[in-house]
Amino acid sequence: MKNNRYGYTERQYTVFQKYAWKVLLGFSILYCFLYCGRLNLSSALPLMAAEEGWNTTQLGILSSVFFWTYGIGHLINGRLGEIIGINRFIISAVILSAAANLLIGFQSSLLVIALLWGLNGYFQSMAWAPGMSLLSKWWPSNRRGFAAGFANGFAGFGQAVCMGVVIIIFAVIPQAGWRAAFFYPALIAVILSVLYAYGIKETPHAAGLPEYTDNVTSTASELKINASLRGKSKLYPYIYLIKEWKFDVWLLIIALSSIARYGLLNWIPLYFTNTMGMDIKDGLMENLLLSVGMGCGTLVIPALSDKLCRNDRLPAVLTCSVAGGLAVLLFMFSQTMWIIDILLFTAGFFLYAINGLVWPFAIDIGGRQLAGTASGILDFTAYLGAAIQAIVFGLFLGSGSWSMLFAAITIVCAAMAVLSVAAAGNTKDAAPAGIDQGQKASTII
């Protein structure tokens, strides 16, 4: 790209840089704390089991409800966010999710909690896919791995932040029991949403700038998308994307990745308390390593893929699948605590990095027009996988089969590796839309 300014004058580019970073940081931080109204359930599960007498099968079903509504919500809201308004959806997600969490804290019926948790899943789904659409407006194709990985990294750290917040709350007001995990954490995101509303612009046009000019390949891809959508209905983008076979391959990858990721994230706290003999607080503290590893992995791997394999990110998926699967397999046989800690961090690092690789692909194939729709479909598929693991793994653990859980996650990683090898062999002449093979990655923006 000439002068690496994406068609802007020097003055315009300075303004563009400033808003691009504000958008990335603002969305990433807000989404990080939005997790406090979502992963608080997994932190509260051991106390819910102890105080209410609910078994792992019941808790698995409760957890699964969120995944179904969250996934279906993504399928809808990725497209709606593009039509109605990106920031409107993101801010609404924060406020509505906080309200659902607050109501859950007053309930004692598992059925009512499940209904409210299902609503919370839909509300939470109103943020991520519109956020990817937002990033597509500000981050050109040669820096999308970095931008999407950065935002996804903060989502990973959000898991650690949520657990940390819940641990502190349990320590400060232990008499509130599991309900404290729903009363307070989600309110932090509400406060941040006010700052977000006043500081983030949806598009360069809203900041008084023209749209950026991307590389030749990306521009041709977006022109193709425009031509394909001309005269079609508002729902046609779904058909357009599903007809792209590369997109279908990534649907399988993200579904498998989600089974592995949530298989660990949901059940590891219970593993530490039930099998390792830890108390609830120590079990949650150990699980922080998994979340920190996830955040680090998705910050590093997608950014590296911009430089090493941005024409086809499947080799990065292969590497992460093998490394993550080996870490889980070794974890199953480990008894020494420091080795367990290293393996937990490593598993989180590589498994969540796969998730981070999905989003630059979604933005590339959807372009600025359909990045939200593409991300929504992919996240819908991801949470079909998450919902399945919640029920299946809950049944495994109901019979005390921890080895079956870890073996299943290892097999899922092997399946992702095989799929990556098979698909990469058929993509050597077809870079994802938006990637110019001759363009050098800009390090300025």
Protein backbone atom coordinates (compact mmCIF):
# COMPACT_ATOMS: atom_id res chain seq x y z
CA MET A 1 0.00 0.00 0.00
CA LYS A 2 1.57 3.29 -1.07
CA ASN A 3 3.13 5.02 1.96
CA ASN A 4 1.20 2.54 4.13
CA ARG A 5 -1.52 5.18 4.54
CA TYR A 6 -4.42 3.28 2.94
CA GLY A 7 -5.36 6.18 0.67
CA TYR A 8 -5.19 8.87 3.37
CA THR A 9 -3.19 12.08 3.51
CA GLU A 10 -0.67 12.31 6.33
CA ARG A 11 -3.08 14.33 8.48
CA GLN A 12 -6.00 11.99 7.79
CA TYR A 13 -3.86 8.97 8.55
CA THR A 14 -2.89 10.37 11.94
CA VAL A 15 -6.58 10.74 12.80
CA PHE A 16 -7.33 7.29 11.40
CA GLN A 17 -4.61 5.69 13.54
CA LYS A 18 -5.91 7.39 16.67
CA TYR A 19 -9.48 6.20 16.18
CA ALA A 20 -8.43 2.72 15.04
CA TRP A 21 -6.57 2.20 18.32
CA LYS A 22 -9.42 3.71 20.35
CA VAL A 23 -11.84 1.30 18.67
CA LEU A 24 -9.59 -1.71 19.29
CA LEU A 25 -8.83 -0.84 22.92
CA GLY A 26 -12.36 0.30 23.73
CA PHE A 27 -14.08 -2.78 22.36
CA SER A 28 -11.45 -5.17 23.75
CA ILE A 29 -11.62 -3.80 27.30
CA LEU A 30 -15.41 -3.65 27.31
CA TYR A 31 -15.68 -7.21 26.00
CA CYS A 32 -13.14 -8.35 28.59
CA PHE A 33 -15.41 -7.20 31.41
CA LEU A 34 -18.56 -8.38 29.65
CA TYR A 35 -17.25 -11.88 30.45
CA CYS A 36 -17.92 -11.12 34.12
CA GLY A 37 -21.60 -11.65 33.35
CA ARG A 38 -21.01 -14.89 31.51
CA LEU A 39 -18.20 -17.03 32.94
CA ASN A 40 -19.29 -16.25 36.48
CA LEU A 41 -21.47 -19.37 36.21
CA SER A 42 -18.50 -21.74 35.85
CA SER A 43 -16.88 -20.08 38.87
CA ALA A 44 -20.10 -20.47 40.86
CA LEU A 45 -20.78 -24.12 39.86
CA PRO A 46 -18.93 -25.74 42.79
CA LEU A 47 -20.84 -23.59 45.33
CA MET A 48 -24.14 -24.18 43.54
CA ALA A 49 -23.53 -27.93 43.75
CA ALA A 50 -22.60 -27.70 47.44
CA GLU A 51 -25.35 -25.31 48.58
CA GLU A 52 -28.28 -26.43 46.42
CA GLY A 53 -27.43 -30.11 45.97
CA TRP A 54 -27.61 -29.92 42.17
CA ASN A 55 -25.63 -32.67 40.41
CA THR A 56 -23.24 -32.36 37.47
CA THR A 57 -25.88 -33.46 34.95
CA GLN A 58 -28.26 -30.69 36.11
CA LEU A 59 -25.46 -28.13 36.12
CA GLY A 60 -24.33 -29.31 32.68
CA ILE A 61 -27.81 -28.72 31.30
CA LEU A 62 -27.91 -25.28 32.96
CA SER A 63 -24.58 -24.39 31.35
CA SER A 64 -25.77 -25.77 27.99
CA VAL A 65 -28.81 -23.46 27.91
CA PHE A 66 -26.51 -20.45 27.62
CA PHE A 67 -24.60 -21.97 24.72
CA TRP A 68 -27.75 -22.64 22.70
CA THR A 69 -29.20 -19.16 23.08
CA TYR A 70 -25.79 -17.53 22.71
CA GLY A 71 -25.13 -19.43 19.50
CA ILE A 72 -28.57 -18.77 18.01
CA GLY A 73 -28.23 -15.12 19.00
CA HIS A 74 -24.97 -14.86 17.07
CA LEU A 75 -26.61 -16.29 13.99
CA ILE A 76 -29.16 -13.48 14.15
CA ASN A 77 -27.26 -10.57 15.67
CA GLY A 78 -24.20 -10.64 13.42
CA ARG A 79 -26.45 -9.62 10.54
CA LEU A 80 -28.77 -7.38 12.58
CA GLY A 81 -25.81 -5.42 13.92
CA GLU A 82 -24.77 -4.59 10.35
CA ILE A 83 -28.28 -3.47 9.48
CA ILE A 84 -29.35 -1.62 12.65
CA GLY A 85 -26.13 -0.35 14.21
CA ILE A 86 -22.95 -1.81 15.66
CA ASN A 87 -22.49 0.26 18.82
CA ARG A 88 -26.20 0.12 19.59
CA PHE A 89 -25.99 -3.66 19.77
CA ILE A 90 -22.77 -3.74 21.80
CA ILE A 91 -24.01 -1.34 24.49
CA SER A 92 -27.41 -3.07 24.68
CA ALA A 93 -25.62 -6.39 25.22
CA VAL A 94 -23.88 -5.04 28.32
CA ILE A 95 -26.96 -3.51 29.93
CA LEU A 96 -29.33 -6.40 29.25
CA SER A 97 -26.81 -9.02 30.39
CA ALA A 98 -26.24 -7.18 33.67
CA ALA A 99 -30.01 -7.11 34.27
CA ALA A 100 -30.32 -10.86 33.67
CA ASN A 101 -27.44 -11.59 36.05
CA LEU A 102 -28.96 -9.43 38.77
CA LEU A 103 -32.28 -11.27 38.51
CA ILE A 104 -30.57 -14.67 38.72
CA GLY A 105 -29.06 -13.71 42.06
CA PHE A 106 -32.56 -13.53 43.57
CA GLN A 107 -33.71 -16.96 42.35
CA SER A 108 -33.74 -20.40 43.95
CA SER A 109 -35.51 -22.40 41.24
CA LEU A 110 -33.18 -24.17 38.82
CA LEU A 111 -35.80 -23.84 36.07
CA VAL A 112 -36.13 -20.07 36.51
CA ILE A 113 -32.35 -19.67 36.65
CA ALA A 114 -32.05 -21.70 33.44
CA LEU A 115 -34.59 -19.45 31.69
CA LEU A 116 -32.79 -16.29 32.80
CA TRP A 117 -29.41 -17.77 31.91
CA GLY A 118 -30.77 -18.55 28.46
CA LEU A 119 -31.84 -14.92 28.04
CA ASN A 120 -28.41 -13.84 29.21
CA GLY A 121 -26.89 -15.98 26.48
CA TYR A 122 -28.88 -14.13 23.84
CA PHE A 123 -27.98 -10.74 25.30
CA GLN A 124 -24.28 -11.61 25.40
CA SER A 125 -24.43 -12.66 21.74
CA MET A 126 -25.17 -9.08 20.74
CA ALA A 127 -21.54 -7.99 21.22
CA TRP A 128 -18.90 -10.15 19.54
CA ALA A 129 -20.01 -10.39 15.90
CA PRO A 130 -20.87 -6.66 15.73
CA GLY A 131 -17.46 -6.08 17.30
CA MET A 132 -15.75 -7.93 14.45
CA SER A 133 -17.75 -5.80 12.03
CA LEU A 134 -16.48 -2.75 13.91
CA LEU A 135 -12.85 -3.87 13.61
CA SER A 136 -13.25 -4.50 9.88
CA LYS A 137 -14.11 -0.83 9.43
CA TRP A 138 -10.86 0.34 11.06
CA TRP A 139 -8.24 -2.40 10.52
CA PRO A 140 -7.10 -3.22 6.96
CA SER A 141 -6.52 -6.77 5.79
CA ASN A 142 -2.78 -6.95 6.48
CA ARG A 143 -3.31 -6.24 10.21
CA ARG A 144 -6.51 -8.19 10.91
CA GLY A 145 -4.79 -11.12 12.57
CA PHE A 146 -3.26 -8.71 15.07
CA ALA A 147 -6.49 -6.75 15.66
CA ALA A 148 -8.82 -9.75 15.93
CA GLY A 149 -6.28 -11.65 18.02
CA PHE A 150 -5.88 -8.63 20.32
CA ALA A 151 -9.64 -8.42 20.92
CA ASN A 152 -9.89 -12.18 21.33
CA GLY A 153 -6.95 -12.05 23.76
CA PHE A 154 -8.84 -9.64 25.97
CA ALA A 155 -11.75 -12.07 25.85
CA GLY A 156 -9.36 -14.74 27.13
CA PHE A 157 -8.12 -12.42 29.85
CA GLY A 158 -11.77 -11.69 30.59
CA GLN A 159 -12.07 -15.26 31.77
CA ALA A 160 -9.24 -14.65 34.24
CA VAL A 161 -10.69 -11.26 35.24
CA CYS A 162 -14.08 -12.84 35.91
CA MET A 163 -12.60 -15.58 38.05
CA GLY A 164 -10.48 -13.05 39.94
CA VAL A 165 -13.48 -10.80 40.58
CA VAL A 166 -15.60 -13.74 41.75
CA ILE A 167 -12.84 -14.99 44.06
CA ILE A 168 -12.57 -11.53 45.65
CA ILE A 169 -16.34 -11.26 46.05
CA PHE A 170 -16.58 -14.73 47.61
CA ALA A 171 -13.83 -13.73 50.06
CA VAL A 172 -15.39 -10.36 50.96
CA ILE A 173 -19.02 -11.49 51.31
CA PRO A 174 -18.94 -15.27 51.81
CA GLN A 175 -22.37 -15.20 53.45
CA ALA A 176 -23.96 -14.39 50.06
CA GLY A 177 -22.84 -17.76 48.67
CA TRP A 178 -23.07 -18.45 44.95
CA ARG A 179 -25.49 -15.56 44.45
CA ALA A 180 -22.69 -13.03 44.91
CA ALA A 181 -21.21 -14.20 41.58
CA PHE A 182 -24.30 -12.84 39.82
CA PHE A 183 -25.02 -9.71 41.87
CA TYR A 184 -21.82 -7.75 41.34
CA PRO A 185 -19.38 -8.72 38.53
CA ALA A 186 -21.59 -7.74 35.56
CA LEU A 187 -22.04 -4.20 36.88
CA ILE A 188 -18.42 -3.35 36.06
CA ALA A 189 -19.14 -3.68 32.33
CA VAL A 190 -22.14 -1.35 32.65
CA ILE A 191 -19.88 1.41 33.97
CA LEU A 192 -17.39 0.85 31.14
CA SER A 193 -20.17 0.91 28.53
CA VAL A 194 -20.85 4.55 29.36
CA LEU A 195 -17.24 5.47 28.52
CA TYR A 196 -17.43 3.31 25.39
CA ALA A 197 -20.55 5.09 24.17
CA TYR A 198 -18.84 8.48 24.23
CA GLY A 199 -15.47 7.50 22.78
CA ILE A 200 -15.94 4.98 19.95
CA LYS A 201 -16.83 5.79 16.33
CA GLU A 202 -18.42 3.04 14.24
CA THR A 203 -16.77 3.98 10.94
CA PRO A 204 -14.11 6.36 9.58
CA HIS A 205 -16.99 8.34 8.05
CA ALA A 206 -18.35 9.00 11.56
CA ALA A 207 -14.94 10.50 12.41
CA GLY A 208 -14.98 12.76 9.34
CA LEU A 209 -12.78 10.50 7.21
CA PRO A 210 -13.32 8.60 3.97
CA GLU A 211 -13.19 4.80 4.12
CA TYR A 212 -9.67 3.35 3.92
CA THR A 213 -8.38 1.90 0.65
CA ASP A 214 -7.25 -1.70 1.07
CA ASN A 215 -4.96 -3.80 -1.14
CA VAL A 216 -5.94 -4.94 -4.63
CA THR A 217 -7.05 -8.43 -3.60
CA SER A 218 -9.21 -7.18 -0.76
CA THR A 219 -10.77 -4.48 -2.91
CA ALA A 220 -11.58 -7.02 -5.64
CA SER A 221 -13.12 -9.33 -3.04
CA GLU A 222 -15.34 -6.57 -1.64
CA LEU A 223 -16.41 -5.58 -5.14
CA LYS A 224 -17.35 -9.21 -5.75
CA ILE A 225 -19.39 -9.25 -2.55
CA ASN A 226 -21.18 -6.05 -3.58
CA ALA A 227 -22.00 -7.51 -6.98
CA SER A 228 -23.28 -10.73 -5.41
CA LEU A 229 -25.52 -8.89 -2.97
CA ARG A 230 -26.97 -6.43 -5.48
CA GLY A 231 -30.72 -6.90 -5.76
CA LYS A 232 -30.76 -9.69 -3.16
CA SER A 233 -32.66 -9.86 0.11
CA LYS A 234 -31.23 -8.92 3.53
CA LEU A 235 -30.88 -12.64 4.28
CA TYR A 236 -28.92 -13.55 1.14
CA PRO A 237 -25.51 -12.99 2.82
CA TYR A 238 -26.06 -16.24 4.73
CA ILE A 239 -26.39 -18.13 1.45
CA TYR A 240 -23.42 -16.31 -0.07
CA LEU A 241 -21.12 -17.31 2.79
CA ILE A 242 -22.28 -20.93 3.15
CA LYS A 243 -21.59 -21.48 -0.55
CA GLU A 244 -17.90 -20.69 0.09
CA TRP A 245 -16.27 -24.07 0.86
CA LYS A 246 -13.38 -22.48 2.78
CA PHE A 247 -15.94 -20.96 5.10
CA ASP A 248 -17.49 -24.39 5.70
CA VAL A 249 -14.08 -25.83 6.65
CA TRP A 250 -13.63 -23.13 9.25
CA LEU A 251 -17.12 -23.84 10.60
CA LEU A 252 -15.96 -27.37 11.45
CA ILE A 253 -12.73 -26.08 12.97
CA ILE A 254 -14.39 -23.59 15.29
CA ALA A 255 -17.00 -26.13 16.43
CA LEU A 256 -14.26 -28.60 17.41
CA SER A 257 -12.18 -25.84 18.98
CA SER A 258 -15.12 -24.80 21.13
CA ILE A 259 -15.72 -28.35 22.36
CA ALA A 260 -12.09 -28.54 23.50
CA ARG A 261 -11.93 -25.05 24.99
CA TYR A 262 -15.15 -25.17 26.96
CA GLY A 263 -14.55 -28.77 27.93
CA LEU A 264 -11.62 -27.45 29.95
CA LEU A 265 -13.00 -24.08 30.95
CA ASN A 266 -16.30 -25.35 32.34
CA TRP A 267 -15.08 -28.39 34.22
CA ILE A 268 -11.52 -27.79 35.40
CA PRO A 269 -12.61 -25.96 38.60
CA LEU A 270 -14.71 -29.01 39.50
CA TYR A 271 -11.78 -31.31 38.65
CA PHE A 272 -9.53 -29.53 41.13
CA THR A 273 -12.12 -29.65 43.92
CA ASN A 274 -13.40 -33.20 43.33
CA THR A 275 -10.22 -34.99 42.25
CA MET A 276 -7.30 -32.95 43.59
CA GLY A 277 -8.94 -32.29 46.96
CA MET A 278 -8.66 -28.49 46.75
CA ASP A 279 -11.14 -26.11 48.29
CA ILE A 280 -13.28 -24.00 45.94
CA LYS A 281 -11.09 -20.89 46.13
CA ASP A 282 -7.85 -22.78 45.39
CA GLY A 283 -9.54 -24.61 42.52
CA LEU A 284 -10.59 -21.33 40.95
CA MET A 285 -7.12 -19.86 41.45
CA GLU A 286 -5.54 -22.80 39.62
CA ASN A 287 -8.01 -22.35 36.78
CA LEU A 288 -6.75 -18.79 36.30
CA LEU A 289 -3.70 -20.31 34.59
CA LEU A 290 -5.93 -21.74 31.88
CA SER A 291 -7.54 -18.35 31.24
CA VAL A 292 -4.25 -16.46 31.27
CA GLY A 293 -2.82 -19.00 28.83
CA MET A 294 -5.83 -18.50 26.57
CA GLY A 295 -5.38 -14.74 26.56
CA CYS A 296 -1.65 -14.98 25.80
CA GLY A 297 -2.13 -17.52 23.01
CA THR A 298 -4.63 -15.52 21.05
CA LEU A 299 -2.55 -12.34 21.42
CA VAL A 300 0.51 -14.06 19.96
CA ILE A 301 -0.53 -16.66 17.37
CA PRO A 302 -2.98 -14.65 15.16
CA ALA A 303 -0.50 -11.73 15.02
CA LEU A 304 2.26 -14.14 13.95
CA SER A 305 -0.06 -15.59 11.31
CA ASP A 306 -0.23 -12.12 9.68
CA LYS A 307 3.47 -12.47 8.93
CA LEU A 308 3.97 -16.22 8.51
CA CYS A 309 0.82 -17.66 6.92
CA ARG A 310 -1.74 -14.97 6.23
CA ASN A 311 -2.52 -16.42 2.80
CA ASP A 312 -3.78 -19.58 4.54
CA ARG A 313 -3.95 -19.68 8.37
CA LEU A 314 -4.65 -23.43 8.50
CA PRO A 315 -0.99 -24.37 9.18
CA ALA A 316 -1.25 -22.28 12.36
CA VAL A 317 -4.40 -24.23 13.28
CA LEU A 318 -2.49 -27.48 12.74
CA THR A 319 0.36 -26.40 15.02
CA CYS A 320 -2.01 -25.28 17.77
CA SER A 321 -4.13 -28.44 17.55
CA VAL A 322 -1.14 -30.72 17.98
CA ALA A 323 0.42 -28.71 20.81
CA GLY A 324 -2.88 -28.23 22.63
CA GLY A 325 -3.87 -31.87 22.29
CA LEU A 326 -0.53 -33.07 23.66
CA ALA A 327 -0.85 -30.74 26.64
CA VAL A 328 -4.31 -32.09 27.48
CA LEU A 329 -3.16 -35.69 27.07
CA LEU A 330 -0.21 -35.18 29.42
CA PHE A 331 -2.43 -33.29 31.87
CA MET A 332 -4.60 -36.39 32.22
CA PHE A 333 -1.66 -38.42 33.56
CA SER A 334 0.03 -35.72 35.64
CA GLN A 335 0.03 -35.62 39.44
CA THR A 336 2.78 -33.07 40.17
CA MET A 337 1.26 -29.64 40.71
CA TRP A 338 3.87 -27.51 38.93
CA ILE A 339 3.67 -29.76 35.86
CA ILE A 340 -0.13 -29.54 35.94
CA ASP A 341 0.14 -25.75 36.03
CA ILE A 342 2.45 -25.63 33.00
CA LEU A 343 0.27 -28.01 31.01
CA LEU A 344 -2.89 -26.08 31.87
CA PHE A 345 -1.33 -22.82 30.69
CA THR A 346 -0.02 -24.51 27.52
CA ALA A 347 -3.38 -26.09 26.69
CA GLY A 348 -5.12 -22.75 27.08
CA PHE A 349 -2.44 -20.95 25.04
CA PHE A 350 -2.80 -23.14 21.95
CA LEU A 351 -6.49 -24.07 22.06
CA TYR A 352 -7.74 -20.50 22.37
CA ALA A 353 -5.25 -19.36 19.71
CA ILE A 354 -7.28 -21.45 17.24
CA ASN A 355 -10.32 -19.40 18.15
CA GLY A 356 -8.28 -16.25 17.57
CA LEU A 357 -7.32 -17.41 14.07
CA VAL A 358 -10.97 -17.75 13.06
CA TRP A 359 -11.85 -14.05 13.27
CA PRO A 360 -9.36 -12.56 10.80
CA PHE A 361 -10.55 -15.21 8.37
CA ALA A 362 -14.17 -14.15 9.03
CA ILE A 363 -13.34 -10.51 8.35
CA ASP A 364 -11.38 -11.40 5.22
CA ILE A 365 -14.06 -13.57 3.67
CA GLY A 366 -16.92 -11.28 4.67
CA GLY A 367 -15.17 -8.00 3.91
CA ARG A 368 -16.32 -4.78 5.50
CA GLN A 369 -19.85 -5.51 4.32
CA LEU A 370 -20.38 -8.95 5.90
CA ALA A 371 -17.74 -9.34 8.62
CA GLY A 372 -20.46 -9.34 11.27
CA THR A 373 -22.58 -11.91 9.44
CA ALA A 374 -19.59 -14.19 8.86
CA SER A 375 -18.51 -13.89 12.50
CA GLY A 376 -22.05 -14.55 13.67
CA ILE A 377 -22.37 -17.78 11.68
CA LEU A 378 -18.98 -18.97 12.89
CA ASP A 379 -19.78 -18.20 16.52
CA PHE A 380 -23.16 -19.92 16.18
CA THR A 381 -21.35 -23.06 15.09
CA ALA A 382 -18.82 -22.68 17.88
CA TYR A 383 -21.51 -22.67 20.52
CA LEU A 384 -23.30 -25.63 19.05
CA GLY A 385 -20.07 -27.41 19.93
CA ALA A 386 -20.00 -25.79 23.36
CA ALA A 387 -23.60 -26.81 24.06
CA ILE A 388 -22.90 -30.40 23.06
CA GLN A 389 -19.84 -30.64 25.31
CA ALA A 390 -21.76 -29.22 28.30
CA ILE A 391 -24.30 -32.05 28.14
CA VAL A 392 -21.98 -34.90 27.05
CA PHE A 393 -19.17 -34.04 29.44
CA GLY A 394 -21.68 -33.48 32.23
CA LEU A 395 -22.88 -37.05 31.68
CA PHE A 396 -19.28 -38.31 31.65
CA LEU A 397 -18.59 -36.65 34.97
CA GLY A 398 -21.84 -37.89 36.44
CA SER A 399 -20.23 -41.34 36.33
CA GLY A 400 -16.89 -39.99 37.58
CA SER A 401 -15.13 -40.45 34.22
CA TRP A 402 -12.58 -37.63 34.21
CA SER A 403 -10.29 -39.70 31.98
CA MET A 404 -13.06 -39.88 29.36
CA LEU A 405 -13.34 -36.09 29.36
CA PHE A 406 -9.61 -35.51 28.78
CA ALA A 407 -9.42 -38.32 26.22
CA ALA A 408 -12.36 -36.84 24.30
CA ILE A 409 -10.72 -33.40 24.23
CA THR A 410 -7.49 -34.96 22.93
CA ILE A 411 -9.41 -36.74 20.16
CA VAL A 412 -11.12 -33.46 19.21
CA CYS A 413 -7.68 -31.81 18.88
CA ALA A 414 -6.51 -34.67 16.65
CA ALA A 415 -9.60 -34.19 14.46
CA MET A 416 -8.78 -30.48 14.04
CA ALA A 417 -5.22 -31.38 13.05
CA VAL A 418 -6.40 -33.86 10.42
CA LEU A 419 -8.94 -31.40 9.05
CA SER A 420 -6.31 -28.64 8.83
CA VAL A 421 -3.94 -30.85 6.85
CA ALA A 422 -6.67 -32.01 4.47
CA ALA A 423 -8.05 -28.52 3.84
CA ALA A 424 -4.67 -26.77 3.58
CA GLY A 425 -3.73 -29.12 0.77
CA ASN A 426 -6.64 -27.75 -1.25
CA THR A 427 -6.08 -24.03 -0.58
CA LYS A 428 -2.58 -23.52 -1.94
CA ASP A 429 -3.80 -21.44 -4.84
CA ALA A 430 -6.60 -19.61 -3.07
CA ALA A 431 -5.79 -17.09 -0.38
CA PRO A 432 -8.64 -15.97 1.84
CA ALA A 433 -10.43 -12.93 0.52
CA GLY A 434 -8.69 -9.71 1.48
CA ILE A 435 -5.10 -11.03 1.43
CA ASP A 436 -2.67 -9.73 -1.14
CA GLN A 437 0.22 -12.18 -1.44
CA GLY A 438 2.67 -9.50 -2.44
CA GLN A 439 1.80 -7.00 0.23
CA LYS A 440 4.10 -6.59 3.23
CA ALA A 441 2.46 -6.28 6.62
CA SER A 442 2.32 -2.75 7.87
CA THR A 443 3.74 -2.17 11.32
CA ILE A 444 2.63 1.44 11.55
CA ILE A 445 -1.05 1.21 12.41
